[in-house]
């Protein structure tokens, strides 16, 4: 299971029986119960077995196994020998015994009666996973069954879907009795010494005749209004009791666990109106929001989920009035969604910008007819990047499809502001470390022109240009928790046709990206992976990760990809297929983070 976090990998074999979503709900319960139950102890010397030499040292033993070096005390300091013997400080050879593995066994008997119907059986399910893996790790046999059932027909020796379904169907209104327990003890040969035998059920099982010497796990449901949890008390026969509180999954998932946890339900479709078909998406300037552009001209901003199990809040949507055309969109952590639309010869901002007097509406006036950032009809809106200066005034920047960078200063008293072109040949712009940064492409056709790319750092008294030793200029900003460029974070810039350069704090790294592949972003995956680029295969389906290590395939889309992008604010990238499916992929857990599908139209 690729969706399992590292802490649940020991139980991957057992949890793989369930669908990914239920396994992720059951997994934390399994981990907590495993810590409470503990491991299966190896047999001690007192149990005997065939001698097999010595295995280390011990502080206890007979004097014929006393280390030769300890006998020196008898010659040099007899009193010290007596003192060390009295305080248990002498060292003895520890004998080893060969144990017949087949003789070791774990037995689990679960109460299926009225005391444990309903939610307590979810804890039973998690305990079966724990005890099955515990026996497997110790090389012991595993036997389990329902306490009220007949031992001849309900004894299971493995944990699989068939046996678990039979157990789930073995619900009964008959309480567990001493006769049930006696029948199991006789059938399994537990009369003399129960060994590693467990009774799982209500606390009253401890009062049954024959329960003495057996370990118990007591599952109870608190009688509190609105309580959605279980209390599990683990009482091993020869250890200290421990208690665990399990917060249960959502009610719908609890029903699936109790009825048929192996049925993989169809994914819930997202019903979308035809006039709201998603046609493009982009990550916000800080990389923390997803900006979605729909065919009806509306724009929505959605928070990127922090985990595959997180609830996604309803996106905030903006509809511009009729007659206006959306030009650019952006998002601010403090201020929300911004939409820049053309109104005649001017540009109107839907959403308020911060000024020294507070939030205000803004209108921007181009200085020249040529200085208009107007994308062609049908092309996606442009990205807006926001920054607050030392006076608390908000500045906006946008890059058009021609590579021109425009500055939108704070509005004046009349609410207007000029639209100023500040740079050309810009290939990428983003907010990195709370400052807008951009990359310019070189222009060798001009006399005395630049022959290498440059990084521009805005938000300072004067724009600072940092040379980048790359001669093509196509660039992508990416996510890296550490080790990125001091000003740009993780930055990838194309140098030649198939040669890309990653700019890090330690220098420049060279990468080769085959020309048929299309780079969509750059990222630093979890260690020990090196930073690299995400590239779309020529088949328009598969995404690959290319670095100085051998290339690997990340994921494959269900249909041809029409647009893909990676966030520079978190390890997430997404794609949009020609059928309208939007998918966000988590590069940390290597799983789907969010998925929406256009299923039907009303």
Foldseek 3Di string as FASTA:
>chain_A
DLLDDPLQVLLCVQLVLFPPVLSVQLRVLLSVVLVQQDADDDDDPVVPAAWDAFDDKDLDDDPVQFDPVLCVCVVVPVVVSVVCNVVSNTIGTHIDHDDDLAVAEAEEEEEQAPQCPAPNVSSVSSVVSSVQSRCVVVSHWYWYFYLPDQCVPTIDGDRHQVNVLVRLVPHDHDGHALVSVVRVCVVVVPVPAVHNYEYEEAPCVCVHPPCQNYWYKHKHDDPDVPQQKIKIWTGHNPDDIDIDIGRHDPPVSSVCVSNRRNDDDDDDADADAPQFFFDDWDAAQLLQWIWTAGNVQKIWIWGFDPFLPDDTDDTDIDHDDPPWHWAEWHADPPFGIWTWIDDPQKIWIDTFWQDLVGTDTAIEHEPDPVPDQHDDPPDDHWHKEWAAAPSRGIKIWTAHPQAWIWIFGGADPVRYTYIGTDDGQWQDWHQDPRWIKTKHAWDPVDVVTDQFIWMWTDRDPDIDIHTDQAGGTNKAAAADPAFADPRRGWMWGHRDQQWIWTHTPVGIFIWGHPNLWAWAHWYQEDPPDGTFTWTAHNVQFWIWTTDPDDIDTLGGHPAHWPDKHAGRNAQWIWTAHPQRKIWIAHRHSSGTNDIHGHDDHD
